[in-house]
PDB file of all heavy atoms in Angstrom:
ATOM      1  N   ILE A   1      26.447  -0.584   4.580  1.00  0.00           N
ATOM      2  CA  ILE A   1      27.216  -1.717   4.011  1.00  0.00           C
ATOM      3  C   ILE A   1      26.941  -1.878   2.568  1.00  0.00           C
ATOM      4  O   ILE A   1      25.825  -1.886   2.162  1.00  0.00           O
ATOM      5  CB  ILE A   1      26.856  -3.059   4.752  1.00  0.00           C
ATOM      6  CG1 ILE A   1      27.180  -2.970   6.242  1.00  0.00           C
ATOM      7  CG2 ILE A   1      27.540  -4.261   4.099  1.00  0.00           C
ATOM      8  CD1 ILE A   1      28.643  -2.907   6.545  1.00  0.00           C
ATOM      9  N   SER A   2      28.026  -2.031   1.763  1.00  0.00           N
ATOM     10  CA  SER A   2      27.882  -2.462   0.356  1.00  0.00           C
ATOM     11  C   SER A   2      27.996  -3.960   0.248  1.00  0.00           C
ATOM     12  O   SER A   2      28.990  -4.518   0.756  1.00  0.00           O
ATOM     13  CB  SER A   2      28.986  -1.771  -0.445  1.00  0.00           C
ATOM     14  OG  SER A   2      29.021  -2.258  -1.782  1.00  0.00           O
ATOM     15  N   PRO A   3      27.058  -4.597  -0.411  1.00  0.00           N
ATOM     16  CA  PRO A   3      27.149  -6.086  -0.509  1.00  0.00           C
ATOM     17  C   PRO A   3      28.262  -6.572  -1.415  1.00  0.00           C
ATOM     18  O   PRO A   3      28.548  -7.810  -1.421  1.00  0.00           O
ATOM     19  CB  PRO A   3      25.745  -6.475  -1.069  1.00  0.00           C
ATOM     20  CG  PRO A   3      25.331  -5.275  -1.801  1.00  0.00           C
ATOM     21  CD  PRO A   3      25.882  -4.084  -1.122  1.00  0.00           C
ATOM     22  N   ASP A   4      28.812  -5.728  -2.252  1.00  0.00           N
ATOM     23  CA  ASP A   4      29.927  -6.097  -3.071  1.00  0.00           C
ATOM     24  C   ASP A   4      30.730  -4.841  -3.499  1.00  0.00           C
ATOM     25  O   ASP A   4      30.306  -3.709  -3.181  1.00  0.00           O
ATOM     26  CB  ASP A   4      29.481  -6.839  -4.364  1.00  0.00           C
ATOM     27  CG  ASP A   4      28.409  -6.034  -5.173  1.00  0.00           C
ATOM     28  OD1 ASP A   4      28.606  -4.808  -5.348  1.00  0.00           O
ATOM     29  OD2 ASP A   4      27.397  -6.605  -5.556  1.00  0.00           O
ATOM     30  N   MET A   5      31.869  -5.030  -4.118  1.00  0.00           N
ATOM     31  CA  MET A   5      32.723  -3.915  -4.497  1.00  0.00           C
ATOM     32  C   MET A   5      32.054  -3.001  -5.497  1.00  0.00           C
ATOM     33  O   MET A   5      32.266  -1.812  -5.526  1.00  0.00           O
ATOM     34  CB  MET A   5      34.065  -4.412  -5.042  1.00  0.00           C
ATOM     35  CG  MET A   5      34.851  -5.307  -4.122  1.00  0.00           C
ATOM     36  SD  MET A   5      35.238  -4.569  -2.526  1.00  0.00           S
ATOM     37  CE  MET A   5      36.479  -3.356  -3.035  1.00  0.00           C
ATOM     38  N   GLY A   6      31.208  -3.545  -6.388  1.00  0.00           N
ATOM     39  CA  GLY A   6      30.547  -2.749  -7.434  1.00  0.00           C
ATOM     40  C   GLY A   6      29.578  -1.760  -6.874  1.00  0.00           C
ATOM     41  O   GLY A   6      29.306  -0.749  -7.503  1.00  0.00           O
ATOM     42  N   ALA A   7      29.029  -1.978  -5.712  1.00  0.00           N
ATOM     43  CA  ALA A   7      28.045  -1.094  -5.109  1.00  0.00           C
ATOM     44  C   ALA A   7      28.650  -0.138  -4.086  1.00  0.00           C
ATOM     45  O   ALA A   7      27.953   0.597  -3.415  1.00  0.00           O
ATOM     46  CB  ALA A   7      26.948  -1.931  -4.464  1.00  0.00           C
ATOM     47  N   MET A   8      29.988  -0.073  -4.048  1.00  0.00           N
ATOM     48  CA  MET A   8      30.678   0.698  -3.005  1.00  0.00           C
ATOM     49  C   MET A   8      30.353   2.206  -3.131  1.00  0.00           C
ATOM     50  O   MET A   8      30.190   2.903  -2.165  1.00  0.00           O
ATOM     51  CB  MET A   8      32.196   0.435  -3.092  1.00  0.00           C
ATOM     52  CG  MET A   8      32.927   1.038  -1.903  1.00  0.00           C
ATOM     53  SD  MET A   8      32.359   0.417  -0.283  1.00  0.00           S
ATOM     54  CE  MET A   8      33.365   1.386   0.805  1.00  0.00           C
ATOM     55  N   GLU A   9      30.360   2.686  -4.396  1.00  0.00           N
ATOM     56  CA  GLU A   9      30.179   4.094  -4.581  1.00  0.00           C
ATOM     57  C   GLU A   9      28.758   4.491  -4.094  1.00  0.00           C
ATOM     58  O   GLU A   9      28.564   5.564  -3.487  1.00  0.00           O
ATOM     59  CB  GLU A   9      30.315   4.452  -6.097  1.00  0.00           C
ATOM     60  CG  GLU A   9      30.381   5.964  -6.390  1.00  0.00           C
ATOM     61  CD  GLU A   9      31.600   6.645  -5.729  1.00  0.00           C
ATOM     62  OE1 GLU A   9      32.668   5.997  -5.620  1.00  0.00           O
ATOM     63  OE2 GLU A   9      31.421   7.793  -5.331  1.00  0.00           O
ATOM     64  N   ARG A  10      27.810   3.627  -4.330  1.00  0.00           N
ATOM     65  CA  ARG A  10      26.391   3.855  -3.870  1.00  0.00           C
ATOM     66  C   ARG A  10      26.365   3.898  -2.321  1.00  0.00           C
ATOM     67  O   ARG A  10      25.748   4.761  -1.722  1.00  0.00           O
ATOM     68  CB  ARG A  10      25.472   2.835  -4.422  1.00  0.00           C
ATOM     69  CG  ARG A  10      24.014   2.984  -4.065  1.00  0.00           C
ATOM     70  CD  ARG A  10      23.182   1.910  -4.752  1.00  0.00           C
ATOM     71  NE  ARG A  10      23.250   2.050  -6.237  1.00  0.00           N
ATOM     72  CZ  ARG A  10      24.039   1.266  -6.980  1.00  0.00           C
ATOM     73  NH1 ARG A  10      24.801   0.289  -6.448  1.00  0.00           N
ATOM     74  NH2 ARG A  10      24.025   1.400  -8.285  1.00  0.00           N
ATOM     75  N   ALA A  11      27.047   2.939  -1.733  1.00  0.00           N
ATOM     76  CA  ALA A  11      27.083   2.878  -0.240  1.00  0.00           C
ATOM     77  C   ALA A  11      27.728   4.118   0.340  1.00  0.00           C
ATOM     78  O   ALA A  11      27.266   4.650   1.356  1.00  0.00           O
ATOM     79  CB  ALA A  11      27.801   1.616   0.183  1.00  0.00           C
ATOM     80  N   ARG A  12      28.780   4.572  -0.282  1.00  0.00           N
ATOM     81  CA  ARG A  12      29.448   5.772   0.204  1.00  0.00           C
ATOM     82  C   ARG A  12      28.538   6.989   0.100  1.00  0.00           C
ATOM     83  O   ARG A  12      28.568   7.888   0.944  1.00  0.00           O
ATOM     84  CB  ARG A  12      30.719   6.056  -0.613  1.00  0.00           C
ATOM     85  CG  ARG A  12      31.881   5.035  -0.315  1.00  0.00           C
ATOM     86  CD  ARG A  12      33.100   5.360  -1.108  1.00  0.00           C
ATOM     87  NE  ARG A  12      33.644   6.672  -0.745  1.00  0.00           N
ATOM     88  CZ  ARG A  12      34.689   7.247  -1.320  1.00  0.00           C
ATOM     89  NH1 ARG A  12      35.320   6.597  -2.289  1.00  0.00           N
ATOM     90  NH2 ARG A  12      35.129   8.419  -0.961  1.00  0.00           N
ATOM     91  N   TYR A  13      27.711   7.028  -0.927  1.00  0.00           N
ATOM     92  CA  TYR A  13      26.753   8.120  -1.115  1.00  0.00           C
ATOM     93  C   TYR A  13      25.747   8.122   0.046  1.00  0.00           C
ATOM     94  O   TYR A  13      25.430   9.151   0.626  1.00  0.00           O
ATOM     95  CB  TYR A  13      26.068   7.990  -2.457  1.00  0.00           C
ATOM     96  CG  TYR A  13      25.107   9.091  -2.810  1.00  0.00           C
ATOM     97  CD1 TYR A  13      25.573  10.416  -2.892  1.00  0.00           C
ATOM     98  CD2 TYR A  13      23.770   8.858  -3.031  1.00  0.00           C
ATOM     99  CE1 TYR A  13      24.716  11.446  -3.218  1.00  0.00           C
ATOM    100  CE2 TYR A  13      22.884   9.887  -3.385  1.00  0.00           C
ATOM    101  CZ  TYR A  13      23.371  11.170  -3.493  1.00  0.00           C
ATOM    102  OH  TYR A  13      22.519  12.182  -3.772  1.00  0.00           O
ATOM    103  N   TYR A  14      25.233   6.910   0.392  1.00  0.00           N
ATOM    104  CA  TYR A  14      24.293   6.800   1.509  1.00  0.00           C
ATOM    105  C   TYR A  14      24.975   7.189   2.805  1.00  0.00           C
ATOM    106  O   TYR A  14      24.376   7.932   3.637  1.00  0.00           O
ATOM    107  CB  TYR A  14      23.790   5.337   1.588  1.00  0.00           C
ATOM    108  CG  TYR A  14      22.543   5.057   0.785  1.00  0.00           C
ATOM    109  CD1 TYR A  14      22.632   4.781  -0.568  1.00  0.00           C
ATOM    110  CD2 TYR A  14      21.274   5.023   1.379  1.00  0.00           C
ATOM    111  CE1 TYR A  14      21.496   4.480  -1.308  1.00  0.00           C
ATOM    112  CE2 TYR A  14      20.134   4.730   0.676  1.00  0.00           C
ATOM    113  CZ  TYR A  14      20.228   4.462  -0.674  1.00  0.00           C
ATOM    114  OH  TYR A  14      19.090   4.217  -1.433  1.00  0.00           O
ATOM    115  N   ALA A  15      26.183   6.731   2.962  1.00  0.00           N
ATOM    116  CA  ALA A  15      26.920   6.999   4.222  1.00  0.00           C
ATOM    117  C   ALA A  15      27.195   8.510   4.377  1.00  0.00           C
ATOM    118  O   ALA A  15      27.066   9.125   5.452  1.00  0.00           O
ATOM    119  CB  ALA A  15      28.234   6.269   4.230  1.00  0.00           C
ATOM    120  N   ASP A  16      27.484   9.196   3.226  1.00  0.00           N
ATOM    121  CA  ASP A  16      27.633  10.633   3.241  1.00  0.00           C
ATOM    122  C   ASP A  16      26.381  11.360   3.657  1.00  0.00           C
ATOM    123  O   ASP A  16      26.415  12.316   4.405  1.00  0.00           O
ATOM    124  CB  ASP A  16      28.128  11.087   1.901  1.00  0.00           C
ATOM    125  CG  ASP A  16      28.326  12.598   1.805  1.00  0.00           C
ATOM    126  OD1 ASP A  16      29.147  13.158   2.597  1.00  0.00           O
ATOM    127  OD2 ASP A  16      27.686  13.282   0.991  1.00  0.00           O
ATOM    128  N   MET A  17      25.261  10.878   3.114  1.00  0.00           N
ATOM    129  CA  MET A  17      23.954  11.500   3.427  1.00  0.00           C
ATOM    130  C   MET A  17      23.678  11.346   4.934  1.00  0.00           C
ATOM    131  O   MET A  17      23.079  12.256   5.555  1.00  0.00           O
ATOM    132  CB  MET A  17      22.843  10.837   2.663  1.00  0.00           C
ATOM    133  CG  MET A  17      22.956  11.014   1.157  1.00  0.00           C
ATOM    134  SD  MET A  17      22.177  12.607   0.611  1.00  0.00           S
ATOM    135  CE  MET A  17      20.455  12.124   0.531  1.00  0.00           C
ATOM    136  N   LEU A  18      24.045  10.170   5.514  1.00  0.00           N
ATOM    137  CA  LEU A  18      23.712   9.911   6.909  1.00  0.00           C
ATOM    138  C   LEU A  18      24.865  10.298   7.889  1.00  0.00           C
ATOM    139  O   LEU A  18      24.663  10.292   9.102  1.00  0.00           O
ATOM    140  CB  LEU A  18      23.490   8.397   7.081  1.00  0.00           C
ATOM    141  CG  LEU A  18      22.199   7.881   6.418  1.00  0.00           C
ATOM    142  CD1 LEU A  18      22.247   6.335   6.347  1.00  0.00           C
ATOM    143  CD2 LEU A  18      20.932   8.372   7.135  1.00  0.00           C
ATOM    144  N   GLY A  19      26.040  10.609   7.329  1.00  0.00           N
ATOM    145  CA  GLY A  19      27.132  11.031   8.177  1.00  0.00           C
ATOM    146  C   GLY A  19      27.644   9.903   9.024  1.00  0.00           C
ATOM    147  O   GLY A  19      27.894  10.046  10.226  1.00  0.00           O
ATOM    148  N   CYS A  20      27.800   8.672   8.389  1.00  0.00           N
ATOM    149  CA  CYS A  20      28.292   7.546   9.199  1.00  0.00           C
ATOM    150  C   CYS A  20      29.359   6.746   8.438  1.00  0.00           C
ATOM    151  O   CYS A  20      29.691   7.101   7.276  1.00  0.00           O
ATOM    152  CB  CYS A  20      27.073   6.586   9.519  1.00  0.00           C
ATOM    153  SG  CYS A  20      26.308   5.848   8.089  1.00  0.00           S
ATOM    154  N   ASP A  21      29.824   5.691   9.035  1.00  0.00           N
ATOM    155  CA  ASP A  21      30.936   4.864   8.467  1.00  0.00           C
ATOM    156  C   ASP A  21      30.328   3.955   7.398  1.00  0.00           C
ATOM    157  O   ASP A  21      29.091   3.737   7.304  1.00  0.00           O
ATOM    158  CB  ASP A  21      31.616   4.120   9.548  1.00  0.00           C
ATOM    159  CG  ASP A  21      33.076   3.763   9.180  1.00  0.00           C
ATOM    160  OD1 ASP A  21      33.415   3.869   7.985  1.00  0.00           O
ATOM    161  OD2 ASP A  21      33.813   3.319  10.094  1.00  0.00           O
ATOM    162  N   VAL A  22      31.236   3.322   6.643  1.00  0.00           N
ATOM    163  CA  VAL A  22      30.774   2.401   5.623  1.00  0.00           C
ATOM    164  C   VAL A  22      31.644   1.155   5.591  1.00  0.00           C
ATOM    165  O   VAL A  22      32.889   1.201   5.935  1.00  0.00           O
ATOM    166  CB  VAL A  22      30.820   3.082   4.180  1.00  0.00           C
ATOM    167  CG1 VAL A  22      32.292   3.469   3.844  1.00  0.00           C
ATOM    168  CG2 VAL A  22      30.215   2.267   3.098  1.00  0.00           C
ATOM    169  N   GLY A  23      31.098  -0.018   5.256  1.00  0.00           N
ATOM    170  CA  GLY A  23      31.807  -1.269   5.102  1.00  0.00           C
ATOM    171  C   GLY A  23      31.451  -1.965   3.800  1.00  0.00           C
ATOM    172  O   GLY A  23      30.469  -1.552   3.123  1.00  0.00           O
ATOM    173  N   VAL A  24      32.186  -2.971   3.414  1.00  0.00           N
ATOM    174  CA  VAL A  24      31.903  -3.689   2.151  1.00  0.00           C
ATOM    175  C   VAL A  24      32.219  -5.164   2.257  1.00  0.00           C
ATOM    176  O   VAL A  24      33.054  -5.571   3.009  1.00  0.00           O
ATOM    177  CB  VAL A  24      32.778  -3.009   1.061  1.00  0.00           C
ATOM    178  CG1 VAL A  24      34.307  -3.187   1.333  1.00  0.00           C
ATOM    179  CG2 VAL A  24      32.443  -3.599  -0.320  1.00  0.00           C
ATOM    180  N   PHE A  25      31.508  -5.930   1.488  1.00  0.00           N
ATOM    181  CA  PHE A  25      31.748  -7.339   1.370  1.00  0.00           C
ATOM    182  C   PHE A  25      32.385  -7.610  -0.010  1.00  0.00           C
ATOM    183  O   PHE A  25      32.013  -7.058  -1.024  1.00  0.00           O
ATOM    184  CB  PHE A  25      30.454  -8.177   1.446  1.00  0.00           C
ATOM    185  CG  PHE A  25      30.012  -8.411   2.841  1.00  0.00           C
ATOM    186  CD1 PHE A  25      29.200  -7.498   3.482  1.00  0.00           C
ATOM    187  CD2 PHE A  25      30.378  -9.549   3.529  1.00  0.00           C
ATOM    188  CE1 PHE A  25      28.818  -7.715   4.815  1.00  0.00           C
ATOM    189  CE2 PHE A  25      29.941  -9.828   4.837  1.00  0.00           C
ATOM    190  CZ  PHE A  25      29.131  -8.894   5.472  1.00  0.00           C
ATOM    191  N   TYR A  26      33.394  -8.501   0.001  1.00  0.00           N
ATOM    192  CA  TYR A  26      33.992  -8.906  -1.287  1.00  0.00           C
ATOM    193  C   TYR A  26      33.455 -10.281  -1.593  1.00  0.00           C
ATOM    194  O   TYR A  26      33.523 -11.213  -0.810  1.00  0.00           O
ATOM    195  CB  TYR A  26      35.513  -9.006  -1.132  1.00  0.00           C
ATOM    196  CG  TYR A  26      36.238  -9.633  -2.321  1.00  0.00           C
ATOM    197  CD1 TYR A  26      36.251  -9.035  -3.530  1.00  0.00           C
ATOM    198  CD2 TYR A  26      36.805 -10.876  -2.147  1.00  0.00           C
ATOM    199  CE1 TYR A  26      36.813  -9.606  -4.615  1.00  0.00           C
ATOM    200  CE2 TYR A  26      37.392 -11.488  -3.228  1.00  0.00           C
ATOM    201  CZ  TYR A  26      37.422 -10.823  -4.462  1.00  0.00           C
ATOM    202  OH  TYR A  26      38.005 -11.462  -5.543  1.00  0.00           O
TER     203      TYR A  26
END
């Protein structure tokens, strides 16, 4: 989970490393 839109790229990087889905809070 990304706590905001600005951290989304970082969250996607973690999700890619773990091979899982990603969500975000606005």
